[in-house]
Amino acid sequence: MDFDAFKRSVARDAPPEGLPPTLSALWHAAKDDWPRAHALAQSLDDRDGAWVHAYLHRVEGDQSNAGYWYRRAGRPHCRASLPEEWEQIAREFLARP
């Protein structure tokens, strides 16, 4: 799936079949379902999950907690707009084999 197809899928009622949890969390975040997105990110114990988790805490407005998760992800605290970061994360994950 490419980024444009993923972005269009947000208009649907359910995420596309077979999405990994990181992209599923981003999909739910785009649908303004923060609790579901957060539960998915929180279930992941890796750097990708930490990156999504950090983004979600920025969405929530909790910069301190976001900082913790950026450190766990090994990434700098993002200063881009939320839509820009959402796109950056989605594009990176979708580009992976």
Foldseek 3Di string as FASTA:
>chain_A
DALVVQVVQLVDPAHDPPDQLLSRLLSCVVVVNLVSSLVSLVVDDALSSLQSNLLSVVVVVNNVSSCVSCVRNVHHNDPDDSVVSSSVSVRVVVPDD
